[in-house]
Amino acid sequence: MKRNFIAPFLLLAVMLTLSVQASAGKLTSGSKWVNQRGSVLTINSVASNGLMSGTYVNNDTSFGCVGIEYPMTGWFYVKPITFAVTWNNSTKKCNSLTSWIGFVTGASIQTNWTLVTVDQQTLTGKDTFKYSP
């Protein structure tokens, strides 16, 4: 009786590939995430208690403060995530802040956001961030 030794190796190769792909999208220190408008969220650190810090670069030309890096702080717990950016730094002051809240699922972050300005205007929307290796 002849045994097929290729099938178990093929199965192992597929499992390893899927495992690497799944871990590549995890929200970890040093990971980058890009939304549908090309804006970039960079996670610099995630503490054991979930406190996150990093940067955010807005690349949506329909909003101000385009192409400038701003500090980001937030919280992450298993799947729920929240983070915020104050659009004021030494380069440019846009006199507003944005907060995002949503869920991390593999290589994607689905969020709802609210932007508020110093003159009390409020804008809301949705962003989907994809892991960017």
N, C-alpha and C. Protein backbone atom coordinates (compact mmCIF):
# COMPACT_ATOMS: atom_id res chain seq x y z
N MET A 1 0.84 -1.18 0.00
CA MET A 1 0.00 0.00 0.00
C MET A 1 0.89 1.24 0.00
N LYS A 2 0.65 2.11 -0.94
CA LYS A 2 1.44 3.32 -1.09
C LYS A 2 0.79 4.49 -0.33
N ARG A 3 1.55 5.17 0.50
CA ARG A 3 1.01 6.30 1.27
C ARG A 3 1.32 7.61 0.56
N ASN A 4 0.40 8.52 0.69
CA ASN A 4 0.59 9.85 0.11
C ASN A 4 1.14 10.78 1.19
N PHE A 5 2.45 11.08 1.10
CA PHE A 5 3.09 11.92 2.09
C PHE A 5 2.99 13.41 1.75
N ILE A 6 2.54 13.74 0.58
CA ILE A 6 2.47 15.15 0.17
C ILE A 6 1.31 15.86 0.86
N ALA A 7 0.18 15.23 1.03
CA ALA A 7 -1.01 15.86 1.61
C ALA A 7 -0.74 16.44 3.01
N PRO A 8 -0.12 15.68 3.94
CA PRO A 8 0.14 16.27 5.27
C PRO A 8 1.07 17.48 5.20
N PHE A 9 2.06 17.46 4.34
CA PHE A 9 2.97 18.59 4.21
C PHE A 9 2.26 19.81 3.62
N LEU A 10 1.39 19.56 2.65
CA LEU A 10 0.60 20.65 2.06
C LEU A 10 -0.30 21.28 3.10
N LEU A 11 -0.96 20.47 3.91
CA LEU A 11 -1.83 20.97 4.96
C LEU A 11 -1.04 21.80 5.95
N LEU A 12 0.12 21.33 6.36
CA LEU A 12 0.97 22.06 7.29
C LEU A 12 1.40 23.41 6.69
N ALA A 13 1.78 23.43 5.42
CA ALA A 13 2.19 24.66 4.75
C ALA A 13 1.05 25.68 4.72
N VAL A 14 -0.16 25.22 4.42
CA VAL A 14 -1.33 26.12 4.39
C VAL A 14 -1.61 26.67 5.77
N MET A 15 -1.55 25.82 6.80
CA MET A 15 -1.81 26.28 8.17
C MET A 15 -0.77 27.31 8.61
N LEU A 16 0.49 27.09 8.30
CA LEU A 16 1.53 28.04 8.66
C LEU A 16 1.34 29.37 7.94
N THR A 17 0.98 29.32 6.68
CA THR A 17 0.74 30.54 5.91
C THR A 17 -0.40 31.34 6.50
N LEU A 18 -1.50 30.68 6.84
CA LEU A 18 -2.65 31.38 7.43
C LEU A 18 -2.29 31.96 8.79
N SER A 19 -1.49 31.24 9.56
CA SER A 19 -1.08 31.72 10.87
C SER A 19 -0.23 32.98 10.75
N VAL A 20 0.70 33.00 9.81
CA VAL A 20 1.55 34.17 9.60
C VAL A 20 0.70 35.35 9.13
N GLN A 21 -0.24 35.11 8.22
CA GLN A 21 -1.09 36.19 7.73
C GLN A 21 -1.94 36.76 8.85
N ALA A 22 -2.49 35.91 9.72
CA ALA A 22 -3.34 36.39 10.81
C ALA A 22 -2.53 37.20 11.80
N SER A 23 -1.31 36.74 12.15
CA SER A 23 -0.52 37.49 13.12
C SER A 23 0.02 38.78 12.54
N ALA A 24 0.15 38.87 11.23
CA ALA A 24 0.67 40.09 10.60
C ALA A 24 -0.27 41.25 10.78
N GLY A 25 -1.57 41.01 10.95
CA GLY A 25 -2.53 42.08 11.06
C GLY A 25 -2.87 42.48 12.48
N LYS A 26 -2.19 41.93 13.46
CA LYS A 26 -2.51 42.25 14.84
C LYS A 26 -2.09 43.67 15.19
N LEU A 27 -2.87 44.28 16.07
CA LEU A 27 -2.56 45.62 16.54
C LEU A 27 -1.42 45.51 17.55
N THR A 28 -0.22 45.83 17.13
CA THR A 28 0.96 45.73 17.99
C THR A 28 1.81 46.97 17.83
N SER A 29 2.75 47.13 18.73
CA SER A 29 3.70 48.24 18.63
C SER A 29 4.42 48.17 17.29
N GLY A 30 4.53 49.31 16.64
CA GLY A 30 5.22 49.38 15.36
C GLY A 30 4.34 49.10 14.15
N SER A 31 3.05 48.78 14.38
CA SER A 31 2.18 48.49 13.23
C SER A 31 1.61 49.77 12.62
N LYS A 32 1.36 49.71 11.31
CA LYS A 32 0.78 50.84 10.58
C LYS A 32 -0.55 50.41 9.98
N TRP A 33 -1.50 51.34 9.98
CA TRP A 33 -2.85 51.10 9.50
C TRP A 33 -3.26 52.26 8.60
N VAL A 34 -3.82 51.97 7.45
CA VAL A 34 -4.18 53.00 6.47
C VAL A 34 -5.69 52.93 6.22
N ASN A 35 -6.36 54.10 6.26
CA ASN A 35 -7.80 54.09 6.02
C ASN A 35 -8.11 54.33 4.55
N GLN A 36 -9.39 54.35 4.23
CA GLN A 36 -9.85 54.46 2.84
C GLN A 36 -9.50 55.81 2.20
N ARG A 37 -9.12 56.78 2.99
CA ARG A 37 -8.72 58.09 2.45
C ARG A 37 -7.20 58.26 2.40
N GLY A 38 -6.47 57.20 2.77
CA GLY A 38 -5.02 57.24 2.72
C GLY A 38 -4.36 57.78 3.97
N SER A 39 -5.14 58.09 5.02
CA SER A 39 -4.56 58.56 6.28
C SER A 39 -3.90 57.39 7.00
N VAL A 40 -2.82 57.69 7.74
CA VAL A 40 -1.99 56.64 8.34
C VAL A 40 -1.98 56.74 9.86
N LEU A 41 -2.41 55.65 10.50
CA LEU A 41 -2.35 55.49 11.95
C LEU A 41 -1.15 54.60 12.25
N THR A 42 -0.21 55.10 13.05
CA THR A 42 0.96 54.32 13.44
C THR A 42 0.90 54.07 14.94
N ILE A 43 0.98 52.81 15.33
CA ILE A 43 0.97 52.43 16.74
C ILE A 43 2.42 52.32 17.21
N ASN A 44 2.84 53.25 18.07
CA ASN A 44 4.22 53.20 18.59
C ASN A 44 4.34 52.26 19.78
N SER A 45 3.30 52.23 20.63
CA SER A 45 3.35 51.34 21.79
C SER A 45 1.95 50.95 22.23
N VAL A 46 1.86 49.73 22.76
CA VAL A 46 0.64 49.25 23.39
C VAL A 46 1.06 48.63 24.72
N ALA A 47 0.65 49.27 25.82
CA ALA A 47 1.02 48.78 27.14
C ALA A 47 0.18 47.57 27.51
N SER A 48 0.60 46.85 28.54
CA SER A 48 -0.13 45.65 28.98
C SER A 48 -1.55 45.98 29.45
N ASN A 49 -1.78 47.23 29.89
CA ASN A 49 -3.13 47.63 30.31
C ASN A 49 -3.97 48.16 29.14
N GLY A 50 -3.41 48.16 27.91
CA GLY A 50 -4.15 48.59 26.73
C GLY A 50 -3.92 50.01 26.30
N LEU A 51 -3.19 50.80 27.10
CA LEU A 51 -2.91 52.19 26.73
C LEU A 51 -2.03 52.23 25.48
N MET A 52 -2.48 52.97 24.46
CA MET A 52 -1.74 53.06 23.20
C MET A 52 -1.22 54.48 23.00
N SER A 53 -0.11 54.57 22.29
CA SER A 53 0.37 55.87 21.82
C SER A 53 0.93 55.68 20.42
N GLY A 54 0.95 56.76 19.68
CA GLY A 54 1.46 56.69 18.32
C GLY A 54 1.26 58.00 17.61
N THR A 55 1.09 57.92 16.29
CA THR A 55 0.91 59.12 15.49
C THR A 55 -0.19 58.89 14.46
N TYR A 56 -0.69 60.01 13.95
CA TYR A 56 -1.72 59.96 12.91
C TYR A 56 -1.39 61.04 11.89
N VAL A 57 -1.42 60.66 10.62
CA VAL A 57 -1.20 61.62 9.53
C VAL A 57 -2.47 61.63 8.69
N ASN A 58 -3.15 62.77 8.66
CA ASN A 58 -4.35 62.93 7.83
C ASN A 58 -3.92 63.16 6.39
N ASN A 59 -4.43 62.35 5.48
CA ASN A 59 -4.14 62.53 4.06
C ASN A 59 -5.40 62.78 3.24
N ASP A 60 -6.50 63.11 3.94
CA ASP A 60 -7.76 63.44 3.27
C ASP A 60 -7.75 64.94 2.96
N THR A 61 -7.66 65.28 1.69
CA THR A 61 -7.52 66.68 1.28
C THR A 61 -8.78 67.51 1.53
N SER A 62 -9.90 66.87 1.87
CA SER A 62 -11.11 67.65 2.16
C SER A 62 -11.11 68.19 3.60
N PHE A 63 -10.12 67.81 4.39
CA PHE A 63 -9.96 68.34 5.74
C PHE A 63 -8.64 69.08 5.84
N GLY A 64 -8.49 69.91 6.85
CA GLY A 64 -7.24 70.64 7.05
C GLY A 64 -6.16 69.75 7.65
N CYS A 65 -5.02 70.35 7.88
CA CYS A 65 -3.89 69.67 8.52
C CYS A 65 -3.46 68.42 7.76
N VAL A 66 -3.35 68.52 6.46
CA VAL A 66 -3.00 67.38 5.60
C VAL A 66 -1.50 67.15 5.60
N GLY A 67 -1.11 65.87 5.70
CA GLY A 67 0.28 65.47 5.57
C GLY A 67 1.16 65.78 6.75
N ILE A 68 0.57 66.13 7.88
CA ILE A 68 1.33 66.50 9.08
C ILE A 68 1.11 65.45 10.15
N GLU A 69 2.18 65.02 10.80
CA GLU A 69 2.09 64.01 11.85
C GLU A 69 1.64 64.65 13.16
N TYR A 70 0.61 64.03 13.78
CA TYR A 70 0.09 64.49 15.07
C TYR A 70 0.13 63.33 16.05
N PRO A 71 0.33 63.61 17.35
CA PRO A 71 0.32 62.54 18.36
C PRO A 71 -1.08 61.92 18.49
N MET A 72 -1.10 60.62 18.76
CA MET A 72 -2.34 59.87 18.98
C MET A 72 -2.22 59.14 20.30
N THR A 73 -3.30 59.14 21.07
CA THR A 73 -3.38 58.33 22.28
C THR A 73 -4.70 57.57 22.26
N GLY A 74 -4.73 56.43 22.93
CA GLY A 74 -5.96 55.66 22.96
C GLY A 74 -5.86 54.43 23.82
N TRP A 75 -6.89 53.59 23.69
CA TRP A 75 -7.00 52.35 24.45
C TRP A 75 -7.41 51.22 23.53
N PHE A 76 -6.88 50.03 23.81
CA PHE A 76 -7.20 48.83 23.04
C PHE A 76 -7.39 47.69 24.02
N TYR A 77 -8.51 46.95 23.87
CA TYR A 77 -8.77 45.81 24.74
C TYR A 77 -9.36 44.68 23.92
N VAL A 78 -8.57 43.69 23.58
CA VAL A 78 -8.92 42.49 22.82
C VAL A 78 -9.45 42.87 21.42
N LYS A 79 -10.66 43.42 21.32
CA LYS A 79 -11.21 43.88 20.04
C LYS A 79 -11.63 45.35 20.06
N PRO A 80 -12.28 45.83 21.15
CA PRO A 80 -12.65 47.24 21.18
C PRO A 80 -11.43 48.15 21.18
N ILE A 81 -11.56 49.28 20.48
CA ILE A 81 -10.47 50.25 20.39
C ILE A 81 -11.06 51.66 20.39
N THR A 82 -10.35 52.58 21.00
CA THR A 82 -10.68 53.99 20.92
C THR A 82 -9.37 54.77 20.90
N PHE A 83 -9.33 55.82 20.10
CA PHE A 83 -8.15 56.68 20.07
C PHE A 83 -8.55 58.08 19.64
N ALA A 84 -7.68 59.03 19.94
CA ALA A 84 -8.00 60.43 19.65
C ALA A 84 -6.75 61.17 19.19
N VAL A 85 -7.01 62.22 18.42
CA VAL A 85 -5.95 63.10 17.93
C VAL A 85 -6.41 64.54 18.15
N THR A 86 -5.54 65.35 18.74
CA THR A 86 -5.77 66.79 18.83
C THR A 86 -4.97 67.43 17.70
N TRP A 87 -5.66 68.12 16.81
CA TRP A 87 -5.04 68.65 15.59
C TRP A 87 -4.33 69.98 15.85
N ASN A 88 -3.43 69.96 16.81
CA ASN A 88 -2.61 71.12 17.13
C ASN A 88 -1.20 70.63 17.46
N ASN A 89 -0.21 71.19 16.79
CA ASN A 89 1.17 70.91 17.15
C ASN A 89 2.02 72.11 16.76
N SER A 90 3.33 72.00 16.85
CA SER A 90 4.20 73.14 16.56
C SER A 90 4.22 73.50 15.08
N THR A 91 3.80 72.56 14.21
CA THR A 91 3.79 72.81 12.77
C THR A 91 2.52 73.55 12.34
N LYS A 92 1.37 73.07 12.80
CA LYS A 92 0.11 73.68 12.39
C LYS A 92 -0.97 73.43 13.43
N LYS A 93 -1.81 74.45 13.63
CA LYS A 93 -2.93 74.34 14.56
C LYS A 93 -4.23 74.38 13.77
N CYS A 94 -4.99 73.28 13.85
CA CYS A 94 -6.29 73.21 13.17
C CYS A 94 -7.46 73.37 14.15
N ASN A 95 -7.14 73.59 15.43
CA ASN A 95 -8.15 73.93 16.44
C ASN A 95 -9.32 72.96 16.49
N SER A 96 -9.01 71.67 16.46
CA SER A 96 -10.05 70.65 16.52
C SER A 96 -9.46 69.36 17.08
N LEU A 97 -10.35 68.43 17.38
CA LEU A 97 -9.90 67.09 17.77
C LEU A 97 -10.86 66.07 17.20
N THR A 98 -10.33 64.86 17.00
CA THR A 98 -11.13 63.76 16.48
C THR A 98 -10.94 62.56 17.38
N SER A 99 -12.05 61.87 17.65
CA SER A 99 -11.98 60.61 18.38
C SER A 99 -12.60 59.52 17.52
N TRP A 100 -12.00 58.34 17.58
CA TRP A 100 -12.47 57.16 16.86
C TRP A 100 -12.83 56.10 17.89
N ILE A 101 -13.85 55.32 17.60
CA ILE A 101 -14.21 54.19 18.46
C ILE A 101 -14.69 53.06 17.56
N GLY A 102 -14.25 51.84 17.88
CA GLY A 102 -14.65 50.73 17.02
C GLY A 102 -14.07 49.41 17.48
N PHE A 103 -13.82 48.54 16.48
CA PHE A 103 -13.38 47.18 16.76
C PHE A 103 -12.25 46.77 15.83
N VAL A 104 -11.29 46.03 16.39
CA VAL A 104 -10.21 45.44 15.62
C VAL A 104 -10.61 44.00 15.29
N THR A 105 -10.59 43.66 14.01
CA THR A 105 -10.88 42.29 13.59
C THR A 105 -9.81 41.88 12.59
N GLY A 106 -8.82 41.13 13.08
CA GLY A 106 -7.73 40.67 12.22
C GLY A 106 -6.94 41.83 11.66
N ALA A 107 -6.93 41.96 10.34
CA ALA A 107 -6.14 43.00 9.67
C ALA A 107 -6.98 44.23 9.33
N SER A 108 -8.04 44.47 10.11
CA SER A 108 -8.94 45.58 9.84
C SER A 108 -9.40 46.24 11.14
N ILE A 109 -9.56 47.56 11.11
CA ILE A 109 -10.14 48.30 12.23
C ILE A 109 -11.34 49.07 11.67
N GLN A 110 -12.53 48.76 12.17
CA GLN A 110 -13.76 49.43 11.75
C GLN A 110 -14.09 50.47 12.82
N THR A 111 -14.23 51.75 12.43
CA THR A 111 -14.49 52.79 13.43
C THR A 111 -15.58 53.76 12.99
N ASN A 112 -16.14 54.42 13.98
CA ASN A 112 -16.94 55.62 13.81
C ASN A 112 -16.13 56.74 14.41
N TRP A 113 -16.14 57.92 13.78
CA TRP A 113 -15.37 59.03 14.31
C TRP A 113 -16.24 60.26 14.48
N THR A 114 -15.78 61.12 15.40
CA THR A 114 -16.41 62.42 15.64
C THR A 114 -15.31 63.47 15.70
N LEU A 115 -15.44 64.50 14.89
CA LEU A 115 -14.52 65.62 14.90
C LEU A 115 -15.26 66.82 15.48
N VAL A 116 -14.66 67.49 16.46
CA VAL A 116 -15.24 68.70 17.04
C VAL A 116 -14.24 69.84 16.92
N THR A 117 -14.75 71.04 16.72
CA THR A 117 -13.90 72.22 16.54
C THR A 117 -14.10 73.19 17.70
N VAL A 118 -13.17 74.15 17.81
CA VAL A 118 -13.28 75.13 18.89
C VAL A 118 -14.50 76.03 18.74
N ASP A 119 -15.01 76.16 17.51
CA ASP A 119 -16.24 76.96 17.33
C ASP A 119 -17.49 76.08 17.40
N GLN A 120 -17.37 74.91 18.03
CA GLN A 120 -18.45 74.00 18.38
C GLN A 120 -19.16 73.37 17.18
N GLN A 121 -18.44 73.17 16.10
CA GLN A 121 -18.98 72.39 14.98
C GLN A 121 -18.63 70.93 15.22
N THR A 122 -19.51 70.04 14.76
CA THR A 122 -19.30 68.61 14.91
C THR A 122 -19.52 67.92 13.57
N LEU A 123 -18.56 67.08 13.20
CA LEU A 123 -18.67 66.23 12.01
C LEU A 123 -18.55 64.78 12.46
N THR A 124 -19.23 63.87 11.78
CA THR A 124 -19.12 62.45 12.10
C THR A 124 -18.92 61.64 10.82
N GLY A 125 -18.39 60.45 10.98
CA GLY A 125 -18.18 59.58 9.82
C GLY A 125 -17.70 58.21 10.23
N LYS A 126 -17.31 57.43 9.24
CA LYS A 126 -16.81 56.07 9.45
C LYS A 126 -15.47 55.93 8.74
N ASP A 127 -14.57 55.18 9.36
CA ASP A 127 -13.29 54.84 8.74
C ASP A 127 -13.05 53.35 8.88
N THR A 128 -12.45 52.78 7.85
CA THR A 128 -11.96 51.41 7.91
C THR A 128 -10.46 51.47 7.67
N PHE A 129 -9.71 51.02 8.65
CA PHE A 129 -8.25 50.98 8.56
C PHE A 129 -7.84 49.55 8.21
N LYS A 130 -6.90 49.42 7.32
CA LYS A 130 -6.34 48.12 6.94
C LYS A 130 -4.88 48.09 7.37
N TYR A 131 -4.46 46.93 7.87
CA TYR A 131 -3.06 46.75 8.25
C TYR A 131 -2.17 46.95 7.03
N SER A 132 -1.08 47.70 7.23
CA SER A 132 -0.15 47.97 6.14
C SER A 132 1.24 47.47 6.54
N PRO A 133 1.66 46.34 5.99
CA PRO A 133 2.96 45.76 6.38
C PRO A 133 4.14 46.66 6.02
